[in-house]
């Protein structure tokens, strides 16, 4: 069932519609007007979240040339971030989440810089090298997390090692983006 049909079948929407109809009856609205008020409340309860969702600002996709080396590495970094999210749902490893977020955000900027350099006729080799190195580092960290016997409760050494690795990656990636 689509999410719009589920919204129409939502019991709260139906309850609000019934309440609106009862209020219409209590204040002696004509039958057609009472039915229309109930229908409007019912449909409104389903449509308002949809309309508000459409009005919410959608993130702007990065301006990266599709199929370029920087796009490939950025996609792999985004996949590593998603894998991190799926593996780390609770526990002390959650404190590494801001570092991963900041690193991937900086990788977006770095990928955009590489594309801009390429479009301007330059060679973005340095930026692509940093993208590749950082992405491989993120993938390695995620692989390490996946290999832990209990990702929810890693040993202190595992946590410290992962924290140091991710912080090193973050710092290396942030350095070229600060120059912009």
N, C-alpha and C. Protein backbone atom coordinates (compact mmCIF):
# COMPACT_ATOMS: atom_id res chain seq x y z
N UNK A 1 0.85 -1.17 0.00
CA UNK A 1 0.00 0.00 0.00
C UNK A 1 0.90 1.24 0.00
N UNK A 2 0.58 2.23 -0.85
CA UNK A 2 1.40 3.42 -0.91
C UNK A 2 1.26 4.22 0.38
N UNK A 3 2.20 5.09 0.61
CA UNK A 3 2.20 5.85 1.86
C UNK A 3 1.01 6.81 1.89
N UNK A 4 0.52 7.27 0.72
CA UNK A 4 -0.63 8.16 0.68
C UNK A 4 -1.91 7.42 1.05
N UNK A 5 -2.03 6.18 0.58
CA UNK A 5 -3.20 5.39 0.97
C UNK A 5 -3.16 5.04 2.45
N UNK A 6 -1.94 4.77 2.97
CA UNK A 6 -1.82 4.51 4.40
C UNK A 6 -2.23 5.73 5.20
N UNK A 7 -1.89 6.93 4.69
CA UNK A 7 -2.26 8.16 5.39
C UNK A 7 -3.78 8.32 5.42
N UNK A 8 -4.44 7.92 4.34
CA UNK A 8 -5.90 8.00 4.33
C UNK A 8 -6.53 6.99 5.28
N UNK A 9 -5.88 5.85 5.46
CA UNK A 9 -6.40 4.80 6.35
C UNK A 9 -5.99 5.01 7.80
N UNK A 10 -5.24 6.06 8.07
CA UNK A 10 -4.78 6.33 9.43
C UNK A 10 -5.96 6.50 10.37
N UNK A 11 -5.99 5.73 11.47
CA UNK A 11 -7.14 5.81 12.38
C UNK A 11 -7.34 7.21 12.98
N UNK A 12 -6.27 7.96 13.18
CA UNK A 12 -6.42 9.30 13.75
C UNK A 12 -7.14 10.22 12.77
N UNK A 13 -6.84 10.08 11.49
CA UNK A 13 -7.54 10.88 10.48
C UNK A 13 -9.02 10.56 10.45
N UNK A 14 -9.33 9.26 10.53
CA UNK A 14 -10.74 8.85 10.55
C UNK A 14 -11.43 9.35 11.81
N UNK A 15 -10.74 9.27 12.95
CA UNK A 15 -11.31 9.75 14.21
C UNK A 15 -11.56 11.26 14.15
N UNK A 16 -10.62 12.01 13.60
CA UNK A 16 -10.82 13.46 13.45
C UNK A 16 -12.00 13.76 12.54
N UNK A 17 -12.13 13.00 11.47
CA UNK A 17 -13.24 13.21 10.53
C UNK A 17 -14.58 12.93 11.23
N UNK A 18 -14.66 11.85 12.00
CA UNK A 18 -15.89 11.52 12.73
C UNK A 18 -16.21 12.63 13.73
N UNK A 19 -15.18 13.12 14.42
CA UNK A 19 -15.40 14.22 15.38
C UNK A 19 -15.93 15.47 14.67
N UNK A 20 -15.36 15.76 13.49
CA UNK A 20 -15.82 16.93 12.73
C UNK A 20 -17.27 16.76 12.31
N UNK A 21 -17.63 15.55 11.88
CA UNK A 21 -19.03 15.28 11.51
C UNK A 21 -19.93 15.45 12.72
N UNK A 22 -19.53 14.93 13.88
CA UNK A 22 -20.35 15.06 15.08
C UNK A 22 -20.52 16.52 15.49
N UNK A 23 -19.46 17.31 15.34
CA UNK A 23 -19.58 18.75 15.64
C UNK A 23 -20.56 19.39 14.66
N UNK A 24 -20.48 19.01 13.38
CA UNK A 24 -21.41 19.53 12.38
C UNK A 24 -22.85 19.19 12.73
N UNK A 25 -23.09 17.97 13.20
CA UNK A 25 -24.43 17.57 13.60
C UNK A 25 -24.86 18.35 14.84
N UNK A 26 -23.94 18.54 15.79
CA UNK A 26 -24.27 19.24 17.03
C UNK A 26 -24.63 20.70 16.79
N UNK A 27 -24.04 21.31 15.78
CA UNK A 27 -24.36 22.73 15.53
C UNK A 27 -25.40 22.87 14.41
N UNK A 28 -26.00 21.76 14.04
CA UNK A 28 -27.12 21.72 13.09
C UNK A 28 -26.75 22.21 11.70
N UNK A 29 -25.57 21.78 11.22
CA UNK A 29 -25.22 22.06 9.82
C UNK A 29 -26.08 21.17 8.93
N UNK A 30 -26.36 21.61 7.72
CA UNK A 30 -27.09 20.72 6.79
C UNK A 30 -26.29 19.44 6.55
N UNK A 31 -26.95 18.37 6.21
CA UNK A 31 -26.31 17.07 6.04
C UNK A 31 -25.16 17.08 5.04
N UNK A 32 -25.35 17.77 3.90
CA UNK A 32 -24.30 17.82 2.88
C UNK A 32 -23.08 18.57 3.43
N UNK A 33 -23.30 19.68 4.11
CA UNK A 33 -22.19 20.46 4.66
C UNK A 33 -21.46 19.65 5.73
N UNK A 34 -22.19 18.92 6.54
CA UNK A 34 -21.57 18.09 7.57
C UNK A 34 -20.69 17.02 6.94
N UNK A 35 -21.20 16.39 5.89
CA UNK A 35 -20.42 15.36 5.20
C UNK A 35 -19.18 15.97 4.55
N UNK A 36 -19.33 17.14 3.95
CA UNK A 36 -18.18 17.80 3.32
C UNK A 36 -17.12 18.20 4.35
N UNK A 37 -17.54 18.67 5.52
CA UNK A 37 -16.58 19.02 6.57
C UNK A 37 -15.82 17.77 7.01
N UNK A 38 -16.53 16.67 7.22
CA UNK A 38 -15.87 15.42 7.61
C UNK A 38 -14.89 14.94 6.56
N UNK A 39 -15.31 15.03 5.29
CA UNK A 39 -14.44 14.62 4.19
C UNK A 39 -13.21 15.52 4.10
N UNK A 40 -13.39 16.82 4.28
CA UNK A 40 -12.27 17.76 4.22
C UNK A 40 -11.27 17.49 5.35
N UNK A 41 -11.77 17.22 6.54
CA UNK A 41 -10.87 16.94 7.67
C UNK A 41 -10.12 15.64 7.41
N UNK A 42 -10.81 14.63 6.94
CA UNK A 42 -10.19 13.33 6.66
C UNK A 42 -9.10 13.46 5.60
N UNK A 43 -9.41 14.11 4.48
CA UNK A 43 -8.43 14.28 3.40
C UNK A 43 -7.31 15.22 3.83
N UNK A 44 -7.67 16.25 4.58
CA UNK A 44 -6.64 17.20 5.06
C UNK A 44 -5.64 16.54 5.97
N UNK A 45 -6.12 15.63 6.82
CA UNK A 45 -5.20 14.92 7.73
C UNK A 45 -4.19 14.09 6.94
N UNK A 46 -4.58 13.59 5.79
CA UNK A 46 -3.67 12.80 4.96
C UNK A 46 -2.79 13.68 4.09
N UNK A 47 -3.31 14.81 3.63
CA UNK A 47 -2.57 15.64 2.68
C UNK A 47 -1.59 16.61 3.32
N UNK A 48 -1.88 17.10 4.50
CA UNK A 48 -1.01 18.09 5.12
C UNK A 48 0.42 17.57 5.31
N UNK A 49 0.63 16.37 5.86
CA UNK A 49 2.02 15.90 5.97
C UNK A 49 2.69 15.77 4.59
N UNK A 50 1.92 15.34 3.59
CA UNK A 50 2.47 15.21 2.24
C UNK A 50 2.89 16.58 1.71
N UNK A 51 2.02 17.58 1.86
CA UNK A 51 2.34 18.92 1.36
C UNK A 51 3.50 19.54 2.13
N UNK A 52 3.53 19.33 3.43
CA UNK A 52 4.65 19.86 4.22
C UNK A 52 5.96 19.18 3.84
N UNK A 53 5.89 17.88 3.55
CA UNK A 53 7.09 17.16 3.13
C UNK A 53 7.62 17.69 1.81
N UNK A 54 6.73 18.05 0.91
CA UNK A 54 7.14 18.59 -0.38
C UNK A 54 7.72 19.98 -0.23
N UNK A 55 7.24 20.71 0.76
CA UNK A 55 7.73 22.07 0.96
C UNK A 55 9.06 22.10 1.68
N UNK A 56 9.39 21.02 2.39
CA UNK A 56 10.67 20.97 3.10
C UNK A 56 11.80 21.07 2.10
N UNK A 57 12.82 21.77 2.49
CA UNK A 57 13.95 21.98 1.58
C UNK A 57 14.73 20.69 1.39
N UNK A 58 14.87 20.29 0.14
CA UNK A 58 15.62 19.09 -0.16
C UNK A 58 17.09 19.47 -0.30
N UNK A 59 18.00 18.59 0.16
CA UNK A 59 19.40 18.92 0.04
C UNK A 59 19.83 19.01 -1.43
N UNK A 60 20.72 19.93 -1.69
CA UNK A 60 21.22 20.11 -3.04
C UNK A 60 22.28 19.05 -3.30
N UNK A 61 22.13 18.29 -4.40
CA UNK A 61 23.14 17.27 -4.69
C UNK A 61 24.47 17.93 -5.04
N UNK A 62 25.57 17.25 -4.77
CA UNK A 62 26.87 17.86 -5.06
C UNK A 62 27.04 18.05 -6.57
N UNK A 63 27.76 19.09 -6.93
CA UNK A 63 28.04 19.37 -8.33
C UNK A 63 29.29 18.60 -8.74
N UNK A 64 29.10 17.31 -8.95
CA UNK A 64 30.20 16.41 -9.31
C UNK A 64 29.86 15.76 -10.65
N UNK A 65 30.82 15.75 -11.53
CA UNK A 65 30.63 15.17 -12.86
C UNK A 65 30.33 13.67 -12.74
N UNK A 66 29.15 13.23 -13.19
CA UNK A 66 28.81 11.80 -13.11
C UNK A 66 29.83 10.94 -13.86
N UNK A 67 30.21 9.85 -13.24
CA UNK A 67 31.15 8.92 -13.86
C UNK A 67 32.61 9.30 -13.71
N UNK A 68 32.87 10.48 -13.17
CA UNK A 68 34.26 10.91 -12.98
C UNK A 68 34.87 10.14 -11.81
N UNK A 69 36.22 10.12 -11.73
CA UNK A 69 36.85 9.41 -10.60
C UNK A 69 36.38 9.94 -9.24
N UNK A 70 36.20 11.27 -9.14
CA UNK A 70 35.76 11.83 -7.85
C UNK A 70 34.34 11.39 -7.53
N UNK A 71 33.48 11.24 -8.55
CA UNK A 71 32.12 10.77 -8.30
C UNK A 71 32.13 9.32 -7.82
N UNK A 72 32.99 8.51 -8.42
CA UNK A 72 33.08 7.10 -8.02
C UNK A 72 33.53 7.00 -6.57
N UNK A 73 34.58 7.75 -6.21
CA UNK A 73 35.09 7.68 -4.84
C UNK A 73 34.09 8.26 -3.85
N UNK A 74 33.40 9.33 -4.25
CA UNK A 74 32.40 9.92 -3.36
C UNK A 74 31.26 8.93 -3.11
N UNK A 75 30.82 8.25 -4.16
CA UNK A 75 29.77 7.23 -3.99
C UNK A 75 30.21 6.13 -3.03
N UNK A 76 31.47 5.71 -3.14
CA UNK A 76 31.98 4.67 -2.24
C UNK A 76 32.05 5.19 -0.80
N UNK A 77 32.41 6.46 -0.63
CA UNK A 77 32.45 7.04 0.71
C UNK A 77 31.05 7.12 1.31
N UNK A 78 30.07 7.49 0.49
CA UNK A 78 28.68 7.56 0.95
C UNK A 78 28.20 6.16 1.34
N UNK A 79 28.59 5.15 0.56
CA UNK A 79 28.24 3.77 0.91
C UNK A 79 28.88 3.35 2.23
N UNK A 80 30.14 3.76 2.44
CA UNK A 80 30.82 3.43 3.70
C UNK A 80 30.11 4.10 4.87
N UNK A 81 29.66 5.35 4.67
CA UNK A 81 28.92 6.05 5.72
C UNK A 81 27.61 5.32 6.03
N UNK A 82 26.92 4.88 5.00
CA UNK A 82 25.67 4.14 5.20
C UNK A 82 25.93 2.82 5.92
N UNK A 83 27.03 2.14 5.57
CA UNK A 83 27.39 0.90 6.25
C UNK A 83 27.69 1.17 7.72
N UNK A 84 28.38 2.27 7.99
CA UNK A 84 28.67 2.66 9.38
C UNK A 84 27.35 2.83 10.13
N UNK A 85 26.40 3.54 9.52
CA UNK A 85 25.11 3.77 10.16
C UNK A 85 24.37 2.47 10.45
N UNK A 86 24.45 1.53 9.52
CA UNK A 86 23.74 0.27 9.73
C UNK A 86 24.41 -0.61 10.77
N UNK A 87 25.71 -0.48 10.94
CA UNK A 87 26.42 -1.29 11.93
C UNK A 87 26.39 -0.70 13.33
N UNK A 88 26.41 0.62 13.40
CA UNK A 88 26.53 1.30 14.69
C UNK A 88 25.18 1.94 15.03
N UNK A 89 24.38 1.18 15.73
CA UNK A 89 23.05 1.65 16.11
C UNK A 89 23.02 2.17 17.54
N UNK A 90 23.95 1.69 18.35
CA UNK A 90 24.00 2.10 19.76
C UNK A 90 25.39 1.81 20.30
N UNK A 91 25.63 2.30 21.48
CA UNK A 91 26.89 2.02 22.14
C UNK A 91 27.92 3.12 21.95
N UNK A 92 29.12 2.87 22.45
CA UNK A 92 30.15 3.91 22.43
C UNK A 92 30.64 4.29 21.03
N UNK A 93 30.46 3.43 20.06
CA UNK A 93 30.89 3.77 18.70
C UNK A 93 30.06 4.92 18.12
N UNK A 94 28.89 5.18 18.70
CA UNK A 94 28.07 6.30 18.23
C UNK A 94 28.79 7.64 18.38
N UNK A 95 29.71 7.70 19.33
CA UNK A 95 30.43 8.97 19.51
C UNK A 95 31.35 9.28 18.32
N UNK A 96 31.60 8.29 17.47
CA UNK A 96 32.41 8.51 16.27
C UNK A 96 31.57 9.05 15.11
N UNK A 97 30.26 9.05 15.24
CA UNK A 97 29.37 9.48 14.17
C UNK A 97 29.65 10.89 13.68
N UNK A 98 29.85 11.88 14.57
CA UNK A 98 30.14 13.24 14.08
C UNK A 98 31.42 13.31 13.25
N UNK A 99 32.41 12.51 13.60
CA UNK A 99 33.65 12.50 12.83
C UNK A 99 33.40 11.96 11.42
N UNK A 100 32.62 10.89 11.32
CA UNK A 100 32.28 10.32 10.01
C UNK A 100 31.47 11.33 9.20
N UNK A 101 30.49 11.98 9.84
CA UNK A 101 29.67 12.99 9.16
C UNK A 101 30.54 14.12 8.60
N UNK A 102 31.39 14.65 9.43
CA UNK A 102 32.23 15.78 9.01
C UNK A 102 33.18 15.36 7.89
N UNK A 103 33.69 14.14 7.97
CA UNK A 103 34.59 13.65 6.92
C UNK A 103 33.86 13.54 5.59
N UNK A 104 32.68 12.94 5.59
CA UNK A 104 31.94 12.76 4.34
C UNK A 104 31.50 14.12 3.79
N UNK A 105 31.11 15.04 4.65
CA UNK A 105 30.75 16.38 4.19
C UNK A 105 31.95 17.05 3.52
N UNK A 106 33.12 16.90 4.10
CA UNK A 106 34.33 17.47 3.50
C UNK A 106 34.65 16.76 2.18
N UNK A 107 34.35 15.46 2.09
CA UNK A 107 34.58 14.74 0.83
C UNK A 107 33.66 15.26 -0.27
N UNK A 108 32.44 15.65 0.07
CA UNK A 108 31.56 16.28 -0.91
C UNK A 108 32.25 17.52 -1.49
N UNK A 109 32.75 18.37 -0.60
CA UNK A 109 33.41 19.60 -1.02
C UNK A 109 34.63 19.29 -1.87
N UNK A 110 35.39 18.31 -1.47
CA UNK A 110 36.60 17.93 -2.21
C UNK A 110 36.24 17.40 -3.60
N UNK A 111 35.19 16.61 -3.69
CA UNK A 111 34.75 16.09 -4.99
C UNK A 111 34.27 17.23 -5.90
N UNK A 112 33.55 18.19 -5.33
CA UNK A 112 33.12 19.34 -6.12
C UNK A 112 34.32 20.15 -6.61
N UNK A 113 35.32 20.30 -5.75
CA UNK A 113 36.54 21.01 -6.14
C UNK A 113 37.25 20.29 -7.28
N UNK A 114 37.31 18.97 -7.20
CA UNK A 114 37.97 18.19 -8.26
C UNK A 114 37.22 18.36 -9.58
N UNK A 115 35.90 18.34 -9.55
CA UNK A 115 35.12 18.53 -10.77
C UNK A 115 35.32 19.93 -11.32
N UNK A 116 35.31 20.93 -10.45
CA UNK A 116 35.53 22.31 -10.90
C UNK A 116 36.91 22.47 -11.53
N UNK A 117 37.90 21.84 -10.94
CA UNK A 117 39.26 21.90 -11.49
C UNK A 117 39.30 21.24 -12.87
N UNK A 118 38.66 20.10 -13.01
CA UNK A 118 38.61 19.40 -14.29
C UNK A 118 37.90 20.25 -15.34
N UNK A 119 36.79 20.86 -14.96
CA UNK A 119 36.04 21.70 -15.91
C UNK A 119 36.83 22.93 -16.34
N UNK A 120 37.70 23.39 -15.46
CA UNK A 120 38.53 24.56 -15.78
C UNK A 120 39.77 24.17 -16.59
N UNK A 121 39.90 22.88 -16.90
CA UNK A 121 41.02 22.43 -17.72
C UNK A 121 42.22 21.95 -16.92
N UNK A 122 42.08 21.90 -15.60
CA UNK A 122 43.19 21.45 -14.75
C UNK A 122 43.13 19.97 -14.48
N UNK A 123 44.11 19.50 -13.78
CA UNK A 123 44.19 18.09 -13.38
C UNK A 123 43.95 17.99 -11.87
N UNK A 124 42.86 17.39 -11.47
CA UNK A 124 42.53 17.31 -10.04
C UNK A 124 43.13 16.08 -9.35
N UNK A 125 44.32 15.69 -9.75
CA UNK A 125 44.91 14.45 -9.24
C UNK A 125 45.05 14.45 -7.72
N UNK A 126 45.50 15.61 -7.15
CA UNK A 126 45.69 15.65 -5.69
C UNK A 126 44.38 15.44 -4.95
N UNK A 127 43.32 16.13 -5.41
CA UNK A 127 42.02 16.01 -4.75
C UNK A 127 41.49 14.58 -4.87
N UNK A 128 41.64 13.99 -6.05
CA UNK A 128 41.15 12.63 -6.25
C UNK A 128 41.95 11.65 -5.40
N UNK A 129 43.24 11.90 -5.25
CA UNK A 129 44.08 11.03 -4.40
C UNK A 129 43.62 11.09 -2.94
N UNK A 130 43.32 12.29 -2.46
CA UNK A 130 42.83 12.42 -1.08
C UNK A 130 41.47 11.75 -0.94
N UNK A 131 40.60 11.93 -1.94
CA UNK A 131 39.29 11.26 -1.93
C UNK A 131 39.45 9.74 -1.85
N UNK A 132 40.32 9.21 -2.68
CA UNK A 132 40.54 7.76 -2.71
C UNK A 132 41.09 7.28 -1.37
N UNK A 133 42.10 7.97 -0.86
CA UNK A 133 42.74 7.56 0.40
C UNK A 133 41.72 7.60 1.54
N UNK A 134 40.95 8.69 1.62
CA UNK A 134 39.98 8.83 2.71
C UNK A 134 38.87 7.78 2.59
N UNK A 135 38.42 7.54 1.39
CA UNK A 135 37.36 6.55 1.19
C UNK A 135 37.84 5.16 1.58
N UNK A 136 39.04 4.82 1.16
CA UNK A 136 39.58 3.51 1.55
C UNK A 136 39.74 3.41 3.06
N UNK A 137 40.12 4.52 3.69
CA UNK A 137 40.23 4.54 5.15
C UNK A 137 38.88 4.35 5.83
N UNK A 138 37.84 5.01 5.30
CA UNK A 138 36.50 4.83 5.85
C UNK A 138 36.03 3.39 5.68
N UNK A 139 36.28 2.83 4.48
CA UNK A 139 35.88 1.44 4.24
C UNK A 139 36.61 0.49 5.18
N UNK A 140 37.89 0.75 5.41
CA UNK A 140 38.67 -0.09 6.33
C UNK A 140 38.12 0.00 7.75
N UNK A 141 37.76 1.21 8.19
CA UNK A 141 37.20 1.39 9.53
C UNK A 141 35.87 0.65 9.66
N UNK A 142 35.05 0.73 8.63
CA UNK A 142 33.76 0.04 8.65
C UNK A 142 33.98 -1.48 8.66
N UNK A 143 34.95 -1.94 7.89
CA UNK A 143 35.26 -3.38 7.90
C UNK A 143 35.72 -3.82 9.28
N UNK A 144 36.51 -2.96 9.94
CA UNK A 144 36.97 -3.29 11.29
C UNK A 144 35.78 -3.39 12.25
N UNK A 145 34.84 -2.46 12.12
CA UNK A 145 33.64 -2.48 12.97
C UNK A 145 32.84 -3.76 12.70
N UNK A 146 32.69 -4.10 11.42
CA UNK A 146 31.94 -5.31 11.07
C UNK A 146 32.61 -6.56 11.62
N UNK A 147 33.93 -6.53 11.77
CA UNK A 147 34.66 -7.68 12.27
C UNK A 147 34.67 -7.80 13.78
N UNK A 148 34.19 -6.77 14.48
CA UNK A 148 34.13 -6.83 15.94
C UNK A 148 33.10 -7.86 16.37
N UNK A 149 33.44 -8.58 17.42
CA UNK A 149 32.48 -9.59 17.90
C UNK A 149 31.24 -8.93 18.50
N UNK A 150 31.41 -7.76 19.12
CA UNK A 150 30.27 -7.02 19.68
C UNK A 150 30.42 -5.54 19.34
N UNK A 151 29.90 -5.10 18.20
CA UNK A 151 30.02 -3.69 17.84
C UNK A 151 29.35 -2.75 18.83
N UNK A 152 28.34 -3.25 19.57
CA UNK A 152 27.66 -2.40 20.55
C UNK A 152 28.54 -2.13 21.77
N UNK A 153 29.50 -3.01 22.01
CA UNK A 153 30.34 -2.88 23.20
C UNK A 153 31.79 -3.22 22.85
N UNK A 154 32.47 -2.35 22.06
CA UNK A 154 33.84 -2.66 21.68
C UNK A 154 34.79 -2.47 22.86
N UNK A 155 35.94 -3.09 22.74
CA UNK A 155 36.94 -2.89 23.80
C UNK A 155 37.45 -1.46 23.71
N UNK A 156 38.06 -1.02 24.79
CA UNK A 156 38.62 0.33 24.82
C UNK A 156 39.68 0.55 23.75
N UNK A 157 40.47 -0.50 23.48
CA UNK A 157 41.50 -0.39 22.45
C UNK A 157 40.88 -0.24 21.06
N UNK A 158 39.84 -1.01 20.78
CA UNK A 158 39.17 -0.90 19.49
C UNK A 158 38.58 0.49 19.30
N UNK A 159 37.94 1.00 20.34
CA UNK A 159 37.33 2.32 20.27
C UNK A 159 38.39 3.39 20.05
N UNK A 160 39.47 3.32 20.79
CA UNK A 160 40.55 4.30 20.65
C UNK A 160 41.19 4.22 19.27
N UNK A 161 41.43 3.00 18.78
CA UNK A 161 42.05 2.82 17.47
C UNK A 161 41.15 3.38 16.36
N UNK A 162 39.87 3.04 16.40
CA UNK A 162 38.94 3.56 15.40
C UNK A 162 38.83 5.08 15.48
N UNK A 163 38.78 5.60 16.68
CA UNK A 163 38.70 7.05 16.85
C UNK A 163 39.91 7.75 16.27
N UNK A 164 41.10 7.19 16.52
CA UNK A 164 42.33 7.79 15.97
C UNK A 164 42.35 7.72 14.45
N UNK A 165 41.96 6.57 13.88
CA UNK A 165 41.94 6.43 12.42
C UNK A 165 40.98 7.42 11.77
N UNK A 166 39.76 7.48 12.31
CA UNK A 166 38.77 8.37 11.73
C UNK A 166 39.15 9.84 11.89
N UNK A 167 39.76 10.17 13.00
CA UNK A 167 40.20 11.56 13.21
C UNK A 167 41.32 11.93 12.24
N UNK A 168 42.24 11.00 12.00
CA UNK A 168 43.32 11.26 11.03
C UNK A 168 42.73 11.49 9.64
N UNK A 169 41.78 10.65 9.25
CA UNK A 169 41.13 10.81 7.94
C UNK A 169 40.43 12.16 7.87
N UNK A 170 39.71 12.50 8.92
CA UNK A 170 38.98 13.78 8.95
C UNK A 170 39.92 14.96 8.79
N UNK A 171 41.03 14.94 9.51
CA UNK A 171 41.97 16.05 9.43
C UNK A 171 42.61 16.18 8.05
N UNK A 172 42.97 15.04 7.46
CA UNK A 172 43.59 15.08 6.13
C UNK A 172 42.58 15.60 5.09
N UNK A 173 41.33 15.19 5.22
CA UNK A 173 40.32 15.63 4.25
C UNK A 173 39.97 17.10 4.46
N UNK A 174 39.93 17.55 5.71
CA UNK A 174 39.57 18.94 5.97
C UNK A 174 40.65 19.91 5.50
N UNK A 175 41.90 19.50 5.50
CA UNK A 175 42.98 20.40 5.13
C UNK A 175 42.81 21.00 3.73
N UNK A 176 42.60 20.19 2.69
CA UNK A 176 42.43 20.79 1.36
C UNK A 176 41.15 21.62 1.23
N UNK A 177 40.12 21.29 1.99
CA UNK A 177 38.87 22.03 1.86
C UNK A 177 38.94 23.37 2.57
N UNK A 178 39.86 23.54 3.49
CA UNK A 178 40.01 24.83 4.17
C UNK A 178 40.69 25.85 3.28
N UNK A 179 41.45 25.38 2.31
CA UNK A 179 42.20 26.27 1.43
C UNK A 179 41.25 27.03 0.50
N UNK A 180 40.08 26.45 0.21
CA UNK A 180 39.12 27.06 -0.72
C UNK A 180 38.75 28.44 -0.36
